[in-house]
Amino acid sequence: MAITQLHDIHRRRASRNLGLLAVLLGFVVLVFGLTVVKVEHGASMQAFDHQPRVSLLPKVEGQ
């Protein structure tokens, strides 16, 4: 016997699923946008790798 009618719970679940889809897509777009902005300004980014950063050391005259 095939189910031919959708129960009310199926409609509510489908609408919640669409809402969750919208939230997840918004999150993906946000992360992608932040990634694009960070890559565009990548020259000023430096990671912490337990090494002294030359850009933070004071300039020594005569060298």
PDB file of N, CA and C in Angstrom:
ATOM      1  N   MET A   1       0.839  -1.168   0.000  1.00  0.00           N
ATOM      2  CA  MET A   1       0.000   0.000   0.000  1.00  0.00           C
ATOM      3  C   MET A   1       0.896   1.249   0.000  1.00  0.00           C
ATOM      4  N   ALA A   2       0.792   2.050  -1.002  1.00  0.00           N
ATOM      5  CA  ALA A   2       1.609   3.246  -1.140  1.00  0.00           C
ATOM      6  C   ALA A   2       0.965   4.417  -0.399  1.00  0.00           C
ATOM      7  N   ILE A   3       1.817   5.238   0.160  1.00  0.00           N
ATOM      8  CA  ILE A   3       1.323   6.433   0.833  1.00  0.00           C
ATOM      9  C   ILE A   3       1.155   7.515  -0.218  1.00  0.00           C
ATOM     10  N   THR A   4      -0.048   7.998  -0.374  1.00  0.00           N
ATOM     11  CA  THR A   4      -0.305   8.985  -1.424  1.00  0.00           C
ATOM     12  C   THR A   4      -0.505  10.386  -0.871  1.00  0.00           C
ATOM     13  N   GLN A   5      -0.824  10.508   0.400  1.00  0.00           N
ATOM     14  CA  GLN A   5      -1.052  11.819   0.980  1.00  0.00           C
ATOM     15  C   GLN A   5       0.080  12.156   1.943  1.00  0.00           C
ATOM     16  N   LEU A   6       0.480  13.419   1.912  1.00  0.00           N
ATOM     17  CA  LEU A   6       1.484  13.863   2.862  1.00  0.00           C
ATOM     18  C   LEU A   6       0.800  14.248   4.163  1.00  0.00           C
ATOM     19  N   HIS A   7       1.353  13.778   5.231  1.00  0.00           N
ATOM     20  CA  HIS A   7       0.829  14.142   6.543  1.00  0.00           C
ATOM     21  C   HIS A   7       1.331  15.533   6.903  1.00  0.00           C
ATOM     22  N   ASP A   8       0.661  16.174   7.847  1.00  0.00           N
ATOM     23  CA  ASP A   8       1.027  17.532   8.246  1.00  0.00           C
ATOM     24  C   ASP A   8       2.465  17.577   8.783  1.00  0.00           C
ATOM     25  N   ILE A   9       2.880  16.546   9.443  1.00  0.00           N
ATOM     26  CA  ILE A   9       4.247  16.535   9.995  1.00  0.00           C
ATOM     27  C   ILE A   9       5.291  16.562   8.876  1.00  0.00           C
ATOM     28  N   HIS A  10       4.981  15.962   7.741  1.00  0.00           N
ATOM     29  CA  HIS A  10       5.913  15.981   6.615  1.00  0.00           C
ATOM     30  C   HIS A  10       6.059  17.389   6.045  1.00  0.00           C
ATOM     31  N   ARG A  11       4.964  18.117   5.980  1.00  0.00           N
ATOM     32  CA  ARG A  11       5.023  19.493   5.490  1.00  0.00           C
ATOM     33  C   ARG A  11       5.842  20.370   6.433  1.00  0.00           C
ATOM     34  N   ARG A  12       5.613  20.216   7.740  1.00  0.00           N
ATOM     35  CA  ARG A  12       6.372  21.011   8.711  1.00  0.00           C
ATOM     36  C   ARG A  12       7.853  20.659   8.670  1.00  0.00           C
ATOM     37  N   ARG A  13       8.143  19.387   8.551  1.00  0.00           N
ATOM     38  CA  ARG A  13       9.539  18.951   8.495  1.00  0.00           C
ATOM     39  C   ARG A  13      10.211  19.492   7.231  1.00  0.00           C
ATOM     40  N   ALA A  14       9.500  19.502   6.120  1.00  0.00           N
ATOM     41  CA  ALA A  14      10.050  20.027   4.872  1.00  0.00           C
ATOM     42  C   ALA A  14      10.331  21.519   5.001  1.00  0.00           C
ATOM     43  N   SER A  15       9.447  22.256   5.656  1.00  0.00           N
ATOM     44  CA  SER A  15       9.680  23.692   5.804  1.00  0.00           C
ATOM     45  C   SER A  15      10.865  23.949   6.732  1.00  0.00           C
ATOM     46  N   ARG A  16      11.020  23.150   7.782  1.00  0.00           N
ATOM     47  CA  ARG A  16      12.188  23.287   8.657  1.00  0.00           C
ATOM     48  C   ARG A  16      13.470  22.940   7.914  1.00  0.00           C
ATOM     49  N   ASN A  17      13.402  21.933   7.071  1.00  0.00           N
ATOM     50  CA  ASN A  17      14.579  21.564   6.287  1.00  0.00           C
ATOM     51  C   ASN A  17      14.990  22.680   5.340  1.00  0.00           C
ATOM     52  N   LEU A  18      14.022  23.358   4.740  1.00  0.00           N
ATOM     53  CA  LEU A  18      14.335  24.483   3.860  1.00  0.00           C
ATOM     54  C   LEU A  18      14.936  25.642   4.650  1.00  0.00           C
ATOM     55  N   GLY A  19      14.442  25.872   5.856  1.00  0.00           N
ATOM     56  CA  GLY A  19      15.017  26.904   6.712  1.00  0.00           C
ATOM     57  C   GLY A  19      16.448  26.581   7.090  1.00  0.00           C
ATOM     58  N   LEU A  20      16.701  25.327   7.433  1.00  0.00           N
ATOM     59  CA  LEU A  20      18.060  24.903   7.759  1.00  0.00           C
ATOM     60  C   LEU A  20      18.972  25.017   6.544  1.00  0.00           C
ATOM     61  N   LEU A  21      18.466  24.690   5.379  1.00  0.00           N
ATOM     62  CA  LEU A  21      19.237  24.844   4.146  1.00  0.00           C
ATOM     63  C   LEU A  21      19.638  26.299   3.938  1.00  0.00           C
ATOM     64  N   ALA A  22      18.705  27.220   4.170  1.00  0.00           N
ATOM     65  CA  ALA A  22      19.003  28.645   4.000  1.00  0.00           C
ATOM     66  C   ALA A  22      20.072  29.093   4.995  1.00  0.00           C
ATOM     67  N   VAL A  23      19.989  28.642   6.234  1.00  0.00           N
ATOM     68  CA  VAL A  23      20.982  29.016   7.251  1.00  0.00           C
ATOM     69  C   VAL A  23      22.355  28.469   6.884  1.00  0.00           C
ATOM     70  N   LEU A  24      22.411  27.216   6.469  1.00  0.00           N
ATOM     71  CA  LEU A  24      23.698  26.615   6.107  1.00  0.00           C
ATOM     72  C   LEU A  24      24.305  27.288   4.870  1.00  0.00           C
ATOM     73  N   LEU A  25      23.480  27.600   3.884  1.00  0.00           N
ATOM     74  CA  LEU A  25      23.992  28.296   2.699  1.00  0.00           C
ATOM     75  C   LEU A  25      24.497  29.691   3.066  1.00  0.00           C
ATOM     76  N   GLY A  26      23.797  30.362   3.971  1.00  0.00           N
ATOM     77  CA  GLY A  26      24.265  31.665   4.450  1.00  0.00           C
ATOM     78  C   GLY A  26      25.609  31.551   5.144  1.00  0.00           C
ATOM     79  N   PHE A  27      25.792  30.513   5.943  1.00  0.00           N
ATOM     80  CA  PHE A  27      27.070  30.291   6.622  1.00  0.00           C
ATOM     81  C   PHE A  27      28.183  30.026   5.616  1.00  0.00           C
ATOM     82  N   VAL A  28      27.911  29.219   4.608  1.00  0.00           N
ATOM     83  CA  VAL A  28      28.911  28.921   3.580  1.00  0.00           C
ATOM     84  C   VAL A  28      29.292  30.194   2.829  1.00  0.00           C
ATOM     85  N   VAL A  29      28.315  31.015   2.497  1.00  0.00           N
ATOM     86  CA  VAL A  29      28.591  32.279   1.795  1.00  0.00           C
ATOM     87  C   VAL A  29      29.425  33.194   2.676  1.00  0.00           C
ATOM     88  N   LEU A  30      29.124  33.257   3.977  1.00  0.00           N
ATOM     89  CA  LEU A  30      29.889  34.080   4.908  1.00  0.00           C
ATOM     90  C   LEU A  30      31.339  33.617   4.997  1.00  0.00           C
ATOM     91  N   VAL A  31      31.567  32.321   5.152  1.00  0.00           N
ATOM     92  CA  VAL A  31      32.930  31.789   5.241  1.00  0.00           C
ATOM     93  C   VAL A  31      33.668  32.021   3.925  1.00  0.00           C
ATOM     94  N   PHE A  32      33.003  31.825   2.793  1.00  0.00           N
ATOM     95  CA  PHE A  32      33.640  32.051   1.501  1.00  0.00           C
ATOM     96  C   PHE A  32      34.021  33.517   1.342  1.00  0.00           C
ATOM     97  N   GLY A  33      33.114  34.416   1.725  1.00  0.00           N
ATOM     98  CA  GLY A  33      33.412  35.846   1.625  1.00  0.00           C
ATOM     99  C   GLY A  33      34.584  36.246   2.498  1.00  0.00           C
ATOM    100  N   LEU A  34      34.626  35.742   3.731  1.00  0.00           N
ATOM    101  CA  LEU A  34      35.757  36.043   4.609  1.00  0.00           C
ATOM    102  C   LEU A  34      37.062  35.491   4.040  1.00  0.00           C
ATOM    103  N   THR A  35      37.005  34.320   3.438  1.00  0.00           N
ATOM    104  CA  THR A  35      38.193  33.723   2.833  1.00  0.00           C
ATOM    105  C   THR A  35      38.685  34.576   1.672  1.00  0.00           C
ATOM    106  N   VAL A  36      37.788  35.035   0.841  1.00  0.00           N
ATOM    107  CA  VAL A  36      38.176  35.867  -0.300  1.00  0.00           C
ATOM    108  C   VAL A  36      38.830  37.158   0.180  1.00  0.00           C
ATOM    109  N   VAL A  37      38.263  37.773   1.206  1.00  0.00           N
ATOM    110  CA  VAL A  37      38.826  39.018   1.727  1.00  0.00           C
ATOM    111  C   VAL A  37      40.209  38.762   2.320  1.00  0.00           C
ATOM    112  N   LYS A  38      40.377  37.669   3.045  1.00  0.00           N
ATOM    113  CA  LYS A  38      41.688  37.373   3.634  1.00  0.00           C
ATOM    114  C   LYS A  38      42.733  37.089   2.557  1.00  0.00           C
ATOM    115  N   VAL A  39      42.344  36.401   1.499  1.00  0.00           N
ATOM    116  CA  VAL A  39      43.296  36.089   0.431  1.00  0.00           C
ATOM    117  C   VAL A  39      43.690  37.358  -0.317  1.00  0.00           C
ATOM    118  N   GLU A  40      42.746  38.267  -0.522  1.00  0.00           N
ATOM    119  CA  GLU A  40      43.064  39.519  -1.216  1.00  0.00           C
ATOM    120  C   GLU A  40      44.051  40.368  -0.422  1.00  0.00           C
ATOM    121  N   HIS A  41      43.968  40.310   0.908  1.00  0.00           N
ATOM    122  CA  HIS A  41      44.858  41.086   1.758  1.00  0.00           C
ATOM    123  C   HIS A  41      45.933  40.177   2.366  1.00  0.00           C
ATOM    124  N   GLY A  42      46.356  39.187   1.638  1.00  0.00           N
ATOM    125  CA  GLY A  42      47.277  38.177   2.139  1.00  0.00           C
ATOM    126  C   GLY A  42      48.683  38.676   2.393  1.00  0.00           C
ATOM    127  N   ALA A  43      49.080  39.790   1.790  1.00  0.00           N
ATOM    128  CA  ALA A  43      50.439  40.277   1.977  1.00  0.00           C
ATOM    129  C   ALA A  43      50.667  40.706   3.419  1.00  0.00           C
ATOM    130  N   SER A  44      49.641  41.161   4.101  1.00  0.00           N
ATOM    131  CA  SER A  44      49.812  41.635   5.469  1.00  0.00           C
ATOM    132  C   SER A  44      49.565  40.550   6.507  1.00  0.00           C
ATOM    133  N   MET A  45      49.185  39.347   6.077  1.00  0.00           N
ATOM    134  CA  MET A  45      48.925  38.264   7.028  1.00  0.00           C
ATOM    135  C   MET A  45      50.212  37.525   7.349  1.00  0.00           C
ATOM    136  N   GLN A  46      50.411  37.243   8.624  1.00  0.00           N
ATOM    137  CA  GLN A  46      51.539  36.424   9.055  1.00  0.00           C
ATOM    138  C   GLN A  46      51.021  35.449  10.094  1.00  0.00           C
ATOM    139  N   ALA A  47      51.441  34.210   9.991  1.00  0.00           N
ATOM    140  CA  ALA A  47      51.003  33.194  10.937  1.00  0.00           C
ATOM    141  C   ALA A  47      51.982  33.107  12.099  1.00  0.00           C
ATOM    142  N   PHE A  48      51.511  32.600  13.214  1.00  0.00           N
ATOM    143  CA  PHE A  48      52.364  32.391  14.380  1.00  0.00           C
ATOM    144  C   PHE A  48      53.023  31.033  14.233  1.00  0.00           C
ATOM    145  N   ASP A  49      54.337  31.018  14.021  1.00  0.00           N
ATOM    146  CA  ASP A  49      55.034  29.753  13.821  1.00  0.00           C
ATOM    147  C   ASP A  49      56.254  29.622  14.725  1.00  0.00           C
ATOM    148  N   HIS A  50      56.240  30.288  15.874  1.00  0.00           N
ATOM    149  CA  HIS A  50      57.293  30.202  16.882  1.00  0.00           C
ATOM    150  C   HIS A  50      58.638  30.706  16.370  1.00  0.00           C
ATOM    151  N   GLN A  51      58.623  31.574  15.414  1.00  0.00           N
ATOM    152  CA  GLN A  51      59.830  32.181  14.882  1.00  0.00           C
ATOM    153  C   GLN A  51      59.698  33.693  15.036  1.00  0.00           C
ATOM    154  N   PRO A  52      60.821  34.380  15.276  1.00  0.00           N
ATOM    155  CA  PRO A  52      60.719  35.842  15.355  1.00  0.00           C
ATOM    156  C   PRO A  52      60.325  36.419  13.995  1.00  0.00           C
ATOM    157  N   ARG A  53      59.407  37.348  14.028  1.00  0.00           N
ATOM    158  CA  ARG A  53      58.968  37.973  12.789  1.00  0.00           C
ATOM    159  C   ARG A  53      59.861  39.170  12.497  1.00  0.00           C
ATOM    160  N   VAL A  54      60.458  39.162  11.348  1.00  0.00           N
ATOM    161  CA  VAL A  54      61.387  40.217  10.940  1.00  0.00           C
ATOM    162  C   VAL A  54      60.671  41.559  10.877  1.00  0.00           C
ATOM    163  N   SER A  55      59.406  41.548  10.511  1.00  0.00           N
ATOM    164  CA  SER A  55      58.679  42.798  10.377  1.00  0.00           C
ATOM    165  C   SER A  55      58.436  43.476  11.737  1.00  0.00           C
ATOM    166  N   LEU A  56      58.552  42.738  12.841  1.00  0.00           N
ATOM    167  CA  LEU A  56      58.338  43.321  14.156  1.00  0.00           C
ATOM    168  C   LEU A  56      59.636  43.706  14.852  1.00  0.00           C
ATOM    169  N   LEU A  57      60.765  43.252  14.329  1.00  0.00           N
ATOM    170  CA  LEU A  57      62.046  43.576  14.961  1.00  0.00           C
ATOM    171  C   LEU A  57      62.395  45.044  14.687  1.00  0.00           C
ATOM    172  N   PRO A  58      63.023  45.676  15.680  1.00  0.00           N
ATOM    173  CA  PRO A  58      63.427  47.080  15.443  1.00  0.00           C
ATOM    174  C   PRO A  58      64.506  47.176  14.376  1.00  0.00           C
ATOM    175  N   LYS A  59      64.457  48.232  13.590  1.00  0.00           N
ATOM    176  CA  LYS A  59      65.443  48.427  12.527  1.00  0.00           C
ATOM    177  C   LYS A  59      66.765  48.861  13.156  1.00  0.00           C
ATOM    178  N   VAL A  60      67.834  48.186  12.727  1.00  0.00           N
ATOM    179  CA  VAL A  60      69.169  48.498  13.223  1.00  0.00           C
ATOM    180  C   VAL A  60      69.900  49.257  12.120  1.00  0.00           C
ATOM    181  N   GLU A  61      70.406  50.438  12.473  1.00  0.00           N
ATOM    182  CA  GLU A  61      71.135  51.249  11.476  1.00  0.00           C
ATOM    183  C   GLU A  61      72.527  50.684  11.280  1.00  0.00           C
ATOM    184  N   GLY A  62      73.021  50.777  10.078  1.00  0.00           N
ATOM    185  CA  GLY A  62      74.373  50.344   9.767  1.00  0.00           C
ATOM    186  C   GLY A  62      74.454  48.918   9.271  1.00  0.00           C
ATOM    187  N   GLN A  63      73.356  48.283   9.076  1.00  0.00           N
ATOM    188  CA  GLN A  63      73.404  46.905   8.564  1.00  0.00           C
ATOM    189  C   GLN A  63      72.783  46.826   7.205  1.00  0.00           C
TER     190      GLN A  63
END
